[in-house]
């Protein structure tokens, strides 16, 4: 099962005048495992839906040939609440169910024939049986049960209404049924969402063993490392293809940054050289006498005029080269993200950044004591509803506890899990500059230097941004304002893996106190610091 053909050529897709995919081309080889990455709202889901045939491209050619079927997992299950688990399974196994129906019908036709069936009818039935067996049709429902067990939903009643399932249970059901269809081409949109570590590990093993082609959208960097052989990055309507898996992608991005930095430095060096040549030629021209005494007419004046002509020529050439360099500047790569603390302003590593005593917030949080010092890293873990976000809100001062004391003497920076309530009519630049002195335009260069937005994005209204772009706006504000205590609630959500890598490096160099809540496996694995596990609001 390695014959699926997948190719896009100059594909364009727009929504409401906004170009989501801009003349993109992509070829995926049979059996290839492709990870699709990019910020939330960059066009990844649109790309996958175009490949699946669920969304029509405005222009270009889409070629998808998968004789053994296509499995498509969207982020939402397109069934009403009164539909059952069995309906969801049948929807994912629609190709197999249709093949089985045709096989049973052909079988019934043969049974009704008293005489020897026509050869054509026998061949048609044999062909249907062969296709059904090749797709593992007889074991499909067993595969559903195996997948449900592996994804944390063992023994799920097929008669149960979908409306009684949680969002996470619906996601896992849809994923299990899609995998069980055992298609030649698997198209998965954020398959690791709502999965715990054990379920993700099962999924990774299943996809590695899958003999067909896989194209999966994901923000999970560990998944990318373990499963994918190719990375496709969707950004600003275009796509880039990177081989050698996630490590190859990181290496290529690092090499691209080094190249851009080298080209910028070469441009600056050449600009300086031409400026010096121009200055030197102008100085020499100024030293040449403008007029000659007639009595002195002879070889000397001719030499003087020759020198003047040469200096003018050098000045003209230098000016032309300077104009070309100035008109075609080579921009440097974005500055590395850097969180700034205020240790130089009186703070000393080891001093208290926050201290909580006998804090209680209803049934959500009960902490007898917690202290975080400047320079300390604290990773807060625990199941959903354990009180992690509540703790960060108490530390930030956004939530007053029912009892206890909270002492946070310094300045706090807080990246929330939920969105900031920006006024939708504000532009990106206005939102970034809010609270800073001067006119917003004065801060444009600082924002652009971070590489989080292009110049054309600065006038875009907040209400027109994707969730991922709004998160970038919050991140831009955070890295440009010094704080003593940095609180990050699921900081990797809705950001591209490449930006998350930059974020991890920035946090490693942050001099203040850090408290972070994250489900990101790569961040948790590489975390060096103190860990606090919460369960039902209490330290476990």
Protein backbone atom coordinates (compact mmCIF):
# COMPACT_ATOMS: atom_id res chain seq x y z
CA UNK A 1 0.00 0.00 0.00
CA UNK A 2 2.47 2.66 -1.18
CA UNK A 3 0.93 3.86 -4.43
CA UNK A 4 -0.96 7.02 -3.39
CA UNK A 5 -0.20 9.94 -5.68
CA UNK A 6 -0.53 13.45 -4.27
CA UNK A 7 0.42 16.62 -6.14
CA UNK A 8 -0.65 20.27 -6.07
CA UNK A 9 0.38 22.71 -8.79
CA UNK A 10 -0.12 26.49 -8.51
CA UNK A 11 -3.12 26.09 -6.19
CA UNK A 12 -4.76 29.29 -4.98
CA UNK A 13 -7.57 29.62 -2.43
CA UNK A 14 -9.13 32.82 -1.12
CA UNK A 15 -11.79 33.51 1.51
CA UNK A 16 -13.62 36.86 1.49
CA UNK A 17 -10.87 38.46 -0.55
CA UNK A 18 -8.11 37.14 1.72
CA UNK A 19 -5.54 34.92 0.00
CA UNK A 20 -5.04 31.83 2.16
CA UNK A 21 -3.04 29.76 -0.34
CA UNK A 22 -1.11 31.70 -2.99
CA UNK A 23 -0.13 29.61 -6.04
CA UNK A 24 1.30 26.80 -3.91
CA UNK A 25 2.80 23.61 -5.31
CA UNK A 26 3.55 20.39 -3.45
CA UNK A 27 4.36 16.78 -4.26
CA UNK A 28 4.15 13.98 -1.70
CA UNK A 29 5.74 10.61 -2.47
CA UNK A 30 3.95 7.31 -1.78
CA UNK A 31 4.50 6.18 1.78
CA UNK A 32 5.85 9.55 2.90
CA UNK A 33 5.04 10.83 6.40
CA UNK A 34 4.47 14.59 6.18
CA UNK A 35 4.05 17.02 9.09
CA UNK A 36 2.27 20.29 8.25
CA UNK A 37 3.19 23.18 10.56
CA UNK A 38 2.43 26.89 10.90
CA UNK A 39 0.66 29.31 13.17
CA UNK A 40 -3.03 28.96 13.86
CA UNK A 41 -4.89 30.54 10.93
CA UNK A 42 -1.99 30.27 8.48
CA UNK A 43 -3.94 28.04 6.05
CA UNK A 44 -2.94 24.54 7.16
CA UNK A 45 -6.50 23.23 7.53
CA UNK A 46 -7.45 24.76 4.18
CA UNK A 47 -4.51 22.98 2.54
CA UNK A 48 -5.58 19.64 4.00
CA UNK A 49 -9.23 20.18 3.04
CA UNK A 50 -8.19 20.96 -0.56
CA UNK A 51 -6.17 17.73 -0.68
CA UNK A 52 -9.14 15.81 0.76
CA UNK A 53 -11.48 17.28 -1.87
CA UNK A 54 -13.67 18.93 0.79
CA UNK A 55 -12.73 22.44 -0.40
CA UNK A 56 -12.36 23.41 -4.06
CA UNK A 57 -9.32 25.42 -5.10
CA UNK A 58 -9.93 28.68 -6.95
CA UNK A 59 -7.10 27.96 -9.38
CA UNK A 60 -4.46 25.33 -10.02
CA UNK A 61 -4.39 21.57 -10.27
CA UNK A 62 -4.95 19.04 -7.49
CA UNK A 63 -4.08 15.40 -8.20
CA UNK A 64 -4.90 12.78 -5.58
CA UNK A 65 -4.91 9.11 -6.56
CA UNK A 66 -5.46 6.64 -3.71
CA UNK A 67 -7.11 3.41 -4.91
CA UNK A 68 -7.18 2.00 -1.37
CA UNK A 69 -9.07 4.99 0.03
CA UNK A 70 -8.58 8.31 1.78
CA UNK A 71 -9.09 8.89 5.49
CA UNK A 72 -9.73 12.50 6.45
CA UNK A 73 -9.85 13.70 10.05
CA UNK A 74 -11.17 17.25 10.41
CA UNK A 75 -11.04 19.17 13.69
CA UNK A 76 -14.82 18.89 14.08
CA UNK A 77 -17.12 15.91 13.61
CA UNK A 78 -19.86 16.75 11.10
CA UNK A 79 -22.74 14.95 12.81
CA UNK A 80 -25.69 16.18 14.93
CA UNK A 81 -25.80 15.59 18.72
CA UNK A 82 -28.52 12.94 18.41
CA UNK A 83 -26.34 10.80 16.11
CA UNK A 84 -24.72 7.78 17.75
CA UNK A 85 -21.20 6.46 18.12
CA UNK A 86 -22.11 3.85 15.50
CA UNK A 87 -23.06 6.65 13.08
CA UNK A 88 -19.66 8.26 13.58
CA UNK A 89 -17.92 4.95 12.94
CA UNK A 90 -20.00 4.34 9.80
CA UNK A 91 -19.14 7.82 8.54
CA UNK A 92 -15.41 7.21 8.89
CA UNK A 93 -15.74 3.73 7.35
CA UNK A 94 -18.03 4.96 4.54
CA UNK A 95 -15.80 3.58 1.77
CA UNK A 96 -15.62 0.16 3.40
CA UNK A 97 -19.34 0.16 4.22
CA UNK A 98 -20.15 0.99 0.59
CA UNK A 99 -17.79 -1.71 -0.66
CA UNK A 100 -19.36 -4.23 1.73
CA UNK A 101 -22.89 -3.28 0.56
CA UNK A 102 -21.95 -3.80 -3.08
CA UNK A 103 -20.26 -7.09 -2.23
CA UNK A 104 -23.35 -8.37 -0.36
CA UNK A 105 -25.61 -7.26 -3.20
CA UNK A 106 -23.48 -9.09 -5.77
CA UNK A 107 -23.46 -12.13 -3.49
CA UNK A 108 -27.27 -12.05 -3.27
CA UNK A 109 -27.56 -11.75 -7.05
CA UNK A 110 -25.42 -14.87 -7.47
CA UNK A 111 -27.52 -16.77 -4.92
CA UNK A 112 -30.74 -15.98 -6.81
CA UNK A 113 -29.37 -17.49 -10.02
CA UNK A 114 -30.43 -21.15 -10.32
CA UNK A 115 -28.20 -21.86 -13.28
CA UNK A 116 -24.46 -21.30 -13.47
CA UNK A 117 -23.93 -17.52 -13.00
CA UNK A 118 -22.52 -15.57 -15.95
CA UNK A 119 -18.75 -15.31 -15.92
CA UNK A 120 -18.92 -11.49 -15.72
CA UNK A 121 -21.02 -11.65 -12.53
CA UNK A 122 -18.57 -14.06 -10.93
CA UNK A 123 -15.62 -11.82 -11.84
CA UNK A 124 -17.38 -8.74 -10.46
CA UNK A 125 -18.10 -10.50 -7.15
CA UNK A 126 -14.54 -11.84 -6.92
CA UNK A 127 -13.15 -8.37 -7.57
CA UNK A 128 -15.30 -6.84 -4.81
CA UNK A 129 -14.24 -9.55 -2.33
CA UNK A 130 -10.60 -9.03 -3.23
CA UNK A 131 -10.88 -5.24 -2.66
CA UNK A 132 -12.72 -5.74 0.63
CA UNK A 133 -10.15 -8.20 1.94
CA UNK A 134 -7.26 -6.01 0.78
CA UNK A 135 -8.71 -3.14 2.82
CA UNK A 136 -9.14 -5.42 5.83
CA UNK A 137 -12.90 -5.00 5.73
CA UNK A 138 -13.67 -8.05 7.88
CA UNK A 139 -11.48 -6.70 10.71
CA UNK A 140 -12.54 -3.02 10.45
CA UNK A 141 -14.84 -2.96 13.47
CA UNK A 142 -12.25 -4.83 15.53
CA UNK A 143 -9.71 -2.18 14.53
CA UNK A 144 -12.12 0.51 15.75
CA UNK A 145 -12.25 -1.15 19.19
CA UNK A 146 -8.46 -1.49 19.28
CA UNK A 147 -8.01 2.16 18.36
CA UNK A 148 -10.59 3.31 20.92
CA UNK A 149 -8.73 1.35 23.58
CA UNK A 150 -5.36 2.78 22.52
CA UNK A 151 -6.76 6.31 22.57
CA UNK A 152 -8.32 5.99 26.00
CA UNK A 153 -11.95 5.12 25.21
CA UNK A 154 -12.20 1.37 25.83
CA UNK A 155 -15.62 -0.26 25.58
CA UNK A 156 -17.40 2.81 24.19
CA UNK A 157 -21.09 1.91 23.65
CA UNK A 158 -21.94 2.16 19.93
CA UNK A 159 -25.52 3.16 20.82
CA UNK A 160 -24.46 6.19 22.84
CA UNK A 161 -25.51 9.62 21.52
CA UNK A 162 -22.70 11.94 20.46
CA UNK A 163 -24.26 14.75 22.46
CA UNK A 164 -23.39 12.91 25.67
CA UNK A 165 -19.67 12.84 24.85
CA UNK A 166 -17.17 15.55 25.78
CA UNK A 167 -15.24 17.43 23.10
CA UNK A 168 -12.14 15.36 23.84
CA UNK A 169 -14.10 12.10 23.61
CA UNK A 170 -15.58 13.16 20.26
CA UNK A 171 -12.09 13.94 18.93
CA UNK A 172 -10.74 10.56 20.01
CA UNK A 173 -13.74 8.72 18.56
CA UNK A 174 -13.31 10.43 15.19
CA UNK A 175 -9.58 9.68 15.19
CA UNK A 176 -10.06 6.03 16.13
CA UNK A 177 -12.62 5.47 13.37
CA UNK A 178 -10.46 7.25 10.78
CA UNK A 179 -7.42 5.13 11.64
CA UNK A 180 -9.54 1.97 11.62
CA UNK A 181 -10.58 2.61 8.02
CA UNK A 182 -6.95 1.73 7.16
CA UNK A 183 -6.83 3.99 4.10
CA UNK A 184 -4.00 4.37 1.65
CA UNK A 185 -3.82 8.11 2.35
CA UNK A 186 -4.34 9.48 5.87
CA UNK A 187 -5.08 13.21 6.21
CA UNK A 188 -5.12 14.24 9.88
CA UNK A 189 -5.86 17.70 11.26
CA UNK A 190 -4.35 18.07 14.76
CA UNK A 191 -4.66 14.37 15.69
CA UNK A 192 -2.87 14.81 19.06
CA UNK A 193 -5.40 17.31 20.41
CA UNK A 194 -7.14 16.07 23.58
CA UNK A 195 -4.80 13.07 23.92
CA UNK A 196 -2.76 12.27 27.02
CA UNK A 197 0.85 11.15 26.72
CA UNK A 198 -0.04 7.47 26.66
CA UNK A 199 -2.59 7.92 23.86
CA UNK A 200 -0.18 10.05 21.82
CA UNK A 201 2.51 7.37 22.16
CA UNK A 202 0.04 4.76 20.87
CA UNK A 203 -0.88 7.04 17.94
CA UNK A 204 2.76 7.63 17.05
CA UNK A 205 3.50 3.91 16.96
CA UNK A 206 0.40 3.27 14.85
CA UNK A 207 1.35 5.92 12.26
CA UNK A 208 4.98 4.81 12.07
CA UNK A 209 3.74 1.30 11.22
CA UNK A 210 1.15 2.59 8.71
CA UNK A 211 2.22 1.44 5.26
CA UNK A 212 0.44 4.22 3.39
CA UNK A 213 0.96 7.96 3.12
CA UNK A 214 0.33 10.29 6.05
CA UNK A 215 -0.18 14.06 5.96
CA UNK A 216 -0.74 15.40 9.49
CA UNK A 217 -1.18 18.94 10.80
CA UNK A 218 0.30 19.25 14.27
CA UNK A 219 1.92 21.61 16.77
CA UNK A 220 3.41 18.67 18.68
CA UNK A 221 7.18 18.77 18.20
CA UNK A 222 7.78 15.32 19.71
CA UNK A 223 5.21 13.89 17.29
CA UNK A 224 7.07 15.58 14.43
CA UNK A 225 10.37 14.09 15.61
CA UNK A 226 9.04 10.56 15.97
CA UNK A 227 6.67 10.24 13.01
CA UNK A 228 7.46 12.58 10.12
CA UNK A 229 10.07 12.35 7.40
CA UNK A 230 9.11 15.64 5.73
CA UNK A 231 7.99 19.01 7.09
CA UNK A 232 5.72 21.39 5.15
CA UNK A 233 5.54 24.89 6.62
CA UNK A 234 2.55 27.10 5.73
CA UNK A 235 3.26 30.80 6.14
CA UNK A 236 1.79 33.97 4.59
CA UNK A 237 -0.04 31.99 1.91
CA UNK A 238 3.06 30.11 0.74
CA UNK A 239 4.50 26.74 1.66
CA UNK A 240 8.04 25.48 2.18
CA UNK A 241 9.12 21.85 2.06
CA UNK A 242 11.91 20.50 4.28
CA UNK A 243 13.39 17.00 4.18
CA UNK A 244 15.07 14.89 6.87
CA UNK A 245 12.23 15.25 9.36
CA UNK A 246 11.93 17.79 12.14
CA UNK A 247 15.67 17.90 12.79
CA UNK A 248 16.21 18.66 9.11
CA UNK A 249 13.66 21.47 9.34
CA UNK A 250 15.43 23.03 12.34
CA UNK A 251 18.81 22.71 10.64
CA UNK A 252 17.47 24.34 7.47
CA UNK A 253 15.94 27.24 9.42
CA UNK A 254 19.22 27.77 11.31
CA UNK A 255 21.17 27.73 8.04
CA UNK A 256 18.74 30.21 6.48
CA UNK A 257 19.15 32.57 9.42
CA UNK A 258 22.95 32.32 9.19
CA UNK A 259 22.78 33.01 5.44
CA UNK A 260 20.54 36.06 5.91
CA UNK A 261 22.81 37.41 8.63
CA UNK A 262 25.90 36.88 6.45
CA UNK A 263 24.25 38.60 3.46
CA UNK A 264 23.19 41.54 5.64
CA UNK A 265 26.70 41.92 7.05
CA UNK A 266 28.17 41.75 3.53
CA UNK A 267 25.70 44.43 2.41
CA UNK A 268 26.66 46.68 5.33
CA UNK A 269 30.35 46.12 4.67
CA UNK A 270 29.97 47.01 0.98
CA UNK A 271 27.86 50.05 1.88
CA UNK A 272 30.62 51.24 4.22
CA UNK A 273 33.29 50.58 1.62
CA UNK A 274 31.49 52.63 -1.04
CA UNK A 275 30.93 55.46 1.44
CA UNK A 276 34.66 55.51 2.22
CA UNK A 277 35.56 55.44 -1.49
CA UNK A 278 33.20 58.34 -2.13
CA UNK A 279 34.65 60.34 0.74
CA UNK A 280 38.21 59.61 -0.35
CA UNK A 281 37.54 60.53 -3.99
CA UNK A 282 35.82 63.74 -2.96
CA UNK A 283 38.75 64.66 -0.74
CA UNK A 284 41.24 64.06 -3.57
CA UNK A 285 39.14 66.11 -5.95
CA UNK A 286 39.14 68.95 -3.47
CA UNK A 287 42.93 68.91 -3.34
CA UNK A 288 43.31 69.39 -7.12
CA UNK A 289 43.65 73.09 -8.16
CA UNK A 290 40.56 74.35 -9.98
CA UNK A 291 42.48 76.83 -12.22
CA UNK A 292 45.97 76.84 -13.75
CA UNK A 293 48.21 79.82 -14.57
CA UNK A 294 48.57 80.21 -18.36
CA UNK A 295 52.29 80.66 -17.95
CA UNK A 296 52.42 77.28 -16.32
CA UNK A 297 50.64 75.63 -19.22
CA UNK A 298 52.45 72.43 -20.08
CA UNK A 299 52.56 68.79 -18.99
CA UNK A 300 51.58 69.51 -15.36
CA UNK A 301 48.13 70.94 -16.11
CA UNK A 302 47.33 67.98 -18.34
CA UNK A 303 48.20 65.67 -15.47
CA UNK A 304 46.06 67.75 -13.08
CA UNK A 305 43.11 67.61 -15.46
CA UNK A 306 43.61 63.86 -15.78
CA UNK A 307 43.62 63.41 -12.03
CA UNK A 308 40.45 65.53 -11.75
CA UNK A 309 38.73 63.48 -14.43
CA UNK A 310 39.68 60.23 -12.62
CA UNK A 311 38.41 61.54 -9.29
CA UNK A 312 35.10 62.63 -10.83
CA UNK A 313 34.72 59.21 -12.41
CA UNK A 314 35.37 57.47 -9.10
CA UNK A 315 32.86 59.74 -7.36
CA UNK A 316 30.23 59.04 -10.01
CA UNK A 317 30.77 55.26 -9.79
CA UNK A 318 30.68 55.28 -5.99
CA UNK A 319 27.47 57.30 -5.97
CA UNK A 320 25.84 54.87 -8.42
CA UNK A 321 26.85 51.86 -6.33
CA UNK A 322 25.69 53.58 -3.12
CA UNK A 323 22.32 54.34 -4.73
CA UNK A 324 21.89 50.69 -5.78
CA UNK A 325 22.83 49.45 -2.30
CA UNK A 326 20.53 51.93 -0.60
CA UNK A 327 17.60 51.17 -2.91
CA UNK A 328 18.04 47.42 -2.42
CA UNK A 329 18.83 46.95 1.27
CA UNK A 330 19.44 43.46 2.65
CA UNK A 331 17.42 43.18 5.84
CA UNK A 332 18.91 41.28 8.76
CA UNK A 333 17.10 38.23 10.14
CA UNK A 334 14.72 38.90 13.06
CA UNK A 335 16.32 39.41 16.44
CA UNK A 336 16.16 36.35 18.69
CA UNK A 337 13.30 36.57 21.17
CA UNK A 338 14.56 37.76 24.53
CA UNK A 339 12.66 38.20 27.78
CA UNK A 340 14.19 40.95 29.88
CA UNK A 341 14.20 41.00 33.65
CA UNK A 342 14.99 43.83 36.02
CA UNK A 343 17.72 42.22 38.10
CA UNK A 344 20.02 45.05 37.18
CA UNK A 345 17.54 47.48 38.77
CA UNK A 346 18.09 46.26 42.32
CA UNK A 347 16.89 42.68 42.15
CA UNK A 348 19.27 39.90 43.15
CA UNK A 349 19.03 36.23 42.21
CA UNK A 350 17.57 34.38 45.18
CA UNK A 351 15.32 37.19 46.41
CA UNK A 352 11.60 36.52 46.60
CA UNK A 353 9.65 37.08 43.39
CA UNK A 354 6.41 35.71 44.88
CA UNK A 355 5.24 34.15 48.13
CA UNK A 356 1.83 32.65 48.92
CA UNK A 357 0.65 31.57 52.38
CA UNK A 358 -2.55 29.67 53.27
CA UNK A 359 -4.18 30.62 49.96
CA UNK A 360 -7.66 29.31 49.21
CA UNK A 361 -9.82 29.97 46.16
CA UNK A 362 -13.08 28.10 46.68
CA UNK A 363 -12.56 24.43 45.83
CA UNK A 364 -10.19 25.30 42.97
CA UNK A 365 -7.00 26.02 44.90
CA UNK A 366 -5.69 25.36 48.43
CA UNK A 367 -1.99 26.04 49.00
CA UNK A 368 -0.46 26.22 52.49
CA UNK A 369 2.75 27.81 51.19
CA UNK A 370 4.53 28.52 47.90
CA UNK A 371 7.58 30.70 47.32
CA UNK A 372 9.34 31.48 44.04
CA UNK A 373 12.70 33.23 44.01
CA UNK A 374 14.27 35.42 41.33
CA UNK A 375 16.09 33.21 38.86
CA UNK A 376 13.95 30.17 39.76
CA UNK A 377 11.95 28.09 37.24
CA UNK A 378 8.73 26.42 38.32
CA UNK A 379 6.77 24.01 36.13
CA UNK A 380 3.17 23.49 37.28
CA UNK A 381 1.60 20.21 36.18
CA UNK A 382 -1.63 18.37 36.81
CA UNK A 383 -4.81 17.22 35.06
CA UNK A 384 -7.36 19.60 33.59
CA UNK A 385 -9.22 21.38 36.38
CA UNK A 386 -6.39 20.84 38.88
CA UNK A 387 -6.05 24.58 39.59
CA UNK A 388 -3.04 25.45 37.42
CA UNK A 389 -4.59 28.46 35.68
CA UNK A 390 -6.15 29.59 38.98
CA UNK A 391 -2.69 29.65 40.57
CA UNK A 392 -1.29 31.82 37.77
CA UNK A 393 -4.21 34.23 38.03
CA UNK A 394 -3.63 34.56 41.78
CA UNK A 395 0.09 35.23 41.21
CA UNK A 396 -0.69 37.84 38.56
CA UNK A 397 -3.10 39.68 40.87
CA UNK A 398 -6.06 39.11 38.55
CA UNK A 399 -7.80 36.89 41.07
CA UNK A 400 -8.08 37.71 44.76
CA UNK A 401 -8.09 34.58 46.94
CA UNK A 402 -10.88 33.95 49.45
CA UNK A 403 -8.26 33.77 52.19
CA UNK A 404 -4.51 33.82 52.68
CA UNK A 405 -1.77 36.24 51.68
CA UNK A 406 -0.12 36.87 48.32
CA UNK A 407 3.13 38.85 48.16
CA UNK A 408 4.45 39.69 44.68
CA UNK A 409 6.78 42.71 45.07
CA UNK A 410 7.96 43.09 41.48
CA UNK A 411 6.49 43.58 38.05
CA UNK A 412 4.57 40.65 36.55
CA UNK A 413 4.21 39.54 32.92
CA UNK A 414 1.36 37.13 32.17
CA UNK A 415 0.70 35.22 28.96
CA UNK A 416 -2.82 33.90 29.47
CA UNK A 417 -4.30 30.75 28.02
CA UNK A 418 -7.47 32.62 27.09
CA UNK A 419 -7.42 35.56 24.69
CA UNK A 420 -6.85 39.15 25.79
CA UNK A 421 -9.98 41.25 25.21
CA UNK A 422 -8.48 43.66 22.68
CA UNK A 423 -10.77 46.18 21.04
CA UNK A 424 -11.35 44.62 17.59
CA UNK A 425 -10.86 47.96 15.80
CA UNK A 426 -7.30 48.34 17.15
CA UNK A 427 -4.46 47.65 14.75
CA UNK A 428 -1.60 45.27 15.53
CA UNK A 429 0.72 48.22 16.04
CA UNK A 430 -1.72 50.01 18.34
CA UNK A 431 -2.19 46.89 20.46
CA UNK A 432 1.57 46.37 20.71
CA UNK A 433 2.24 50.01 21.65
CA UNK A 434 -0.62 50.37 24.14
CA UNK A 435 0.81 51.69 27.41
CA UNK A 436 4.13 52.73 25.86
CA UNK A 437 5.10 56.41 25.63
CA UNK A 438 4.81 58.30 22.36
CA UNK A 439 2.89 57.62 19.15
CA UNK A 440 2.39 53.97 18.09
CA UNK A 441 4.36 54.61 14.87
CA UNK A 442 7.45 55.25 17.00
CA UNK A 443 7.39 51.58 18.05
CA UNK A 444 6.95 50.05 14.58
CA UNK A 445 10.64 49.25 14.04
CA UNK A 446 10.89 47.54 17.44
CA UNK A 447 7.92 45.32 16.64
CA UNK A 448 9.22 44.49 13.16
CA UNK A 449 12.65 43.57 14.55
CA UNK A 450 11.07 40.64 16.43
CA UNK A 451 10.08 38.93 13.18
CA UNK A 452 6.61 38.15 14.49
CA UNK A 453 4.86 40.37 11.91
CA UNK A 454 5.54 41.78 8.45
CA UNK A 455 5.23 45.51 7.82
CA UNK A 456 1.96 44.99 5.94
CA UNK A 457 0.49 43.36 9.08
CA UNK A 458 0.97 46.39 11.32
CA UNK A 459 -2.21 48.14 10.10
CA UNK A 460 -4.32 44.98 10.25
CA UNK A 461 -7.14 45.21 12.78
CA UNK A 462 -7.09 42.84 15.73
CA UNK A 463 -10.57 41.61 14.84
CA UNK A 464 -9.26 40.39 11.47
CA UNK A 465 -6.41 38.33 12.93
CA UNK A 466 -6.35 34.60 13.51
CA UNK A 467 -6.00 33.30 17.07
CA UNK A 468 -2.35 32.52 16.41
CA UNK A 469 -1.66 36.08 15.19
CA UNK A 470 -3.36 37.57 18.25
CA UNK A 471 -1.19 35.33 20.41
CA UNK A 472 1.88 36.69 18.59
CA UNK A 473 0.72 40.22 19.51
CA UNK A 474 0.60 39.26 23.19
CA UNK A 475 4.02 37.60 22.94
CA UNK A 476 5.50 40.70 21.28
CA UNK A 477 4.31 42.86 24.18
CA UNK A 478 5.70 40.42 26.71
CA UNK A 479 9.23 40.23 25.29
CA UNK A 480 9.59 44.02 25.09
CA UNK A 481 8.62 44.85 28.69
CA UNK A 482 10.97 43.93 31.56
CA UNK A 483 9.36 41.89 34.34
CA UNK A 484 10.53 40.19 37.53
CA UNK A 485 7.97 37.35 37.45
CA UNK A 486 6.95 35.73 34.17
CA UNK A 487 3.75 33.64 34.14
CA UNK A 488 3.09 31.51 31.05
CA UNK A 489 -0.16 29.55 30.71
CA UNK A 490 0.13 27.07 27.80
CA UNK A 491 2.52 29.38 25.91
CA UNK A 492 2.94 27.01 22.95
CA UNK A 493 -0.78 26.94 22.07
CA UNK A 494 -1.53 28.08 18.50
CA UNK A 495 2.08 28.97 17.70
CA UNK A 496 4.19 27.32 15.02
CA UNK A 497 6.84 24.82 16.18
CA UNK A 498 9.58 27.09 14.84
CA UNK A 499 8.39 29.99 16.98
CA UNK A 500 8.05 27.69 19.99
CA UNK A 501 11.70 26.70 19.56
CA UNK A 502 12.60 30.42 19.66
CA UNK A 503 10.44 30.80 22.76
CA UNK A 504 12.20 27.94 24.55
CA UNK A 505 15.59 29.51 23.86
CA UNK A 506 14.37 32.89 25.11
CA UNK A 507 13.09 31.37 28.36
CA UNK A 508 16.43 29.64 28.97
CA UNK A 509 18.12 33.05 29.07
CA UNK A 510 15.45 34.88 31.09
CA UNK A 511 16.99 36.19 34.36
CA UNK A 512 13.78 36.61 36.37
CA UNK A 513 11.45 34.08 38.00
CA UNK A 514 9.42 31.85 35.68
CA UNK A 515 6.22 29.94 36.40
CA UNK A 516 4.93 27.94 33.43
CA UNK A 517 1.96 25.67 32.76
CA UNK A 518 2.29 23.59 29.61
CA UNK A 519 1.20 20.33 27.99
CA UNK A 520 4.02 20.60 25.45
CA UNK A 521 6.01 17.38 25.81
CA UNK A 522 9.27 18.77 24.43
CA UNK A 523 9.17 21.74 26.81
CA UNK A 524 8.37 19.53 29.79
CA UNK A 525 11.10 17.02 28.93
CA UNK A 526 13.77 19.69 28.61
CA UNK A 527 12.63 21.68 31.65
CA UNK A 528 15.28 22.25 34.30
CA UNK A 529 13.91 23.61 37.53
CA UNK A 530 11.36 22.92 40.25
CA UNK A 531 8.14 21.04 39.54
CA UNK A 532 4.82 21.51 41.32
CA UNK A 533 2.06 18.97 40.70
CA UNK A 534 -1.50 20.01 41.51
CA UNK A 535 -4.48 17.71 41.92
CA UNK A 536 -7.91 19.15 42.74
CA UNK A 537 -6.27 22.42 43.74
CA UNK A 538 -3.85 20.85 46.21
CA UNK A 539 -0.14 20.08 46.08
CA UNK A 540 0.28 16.40 45.24
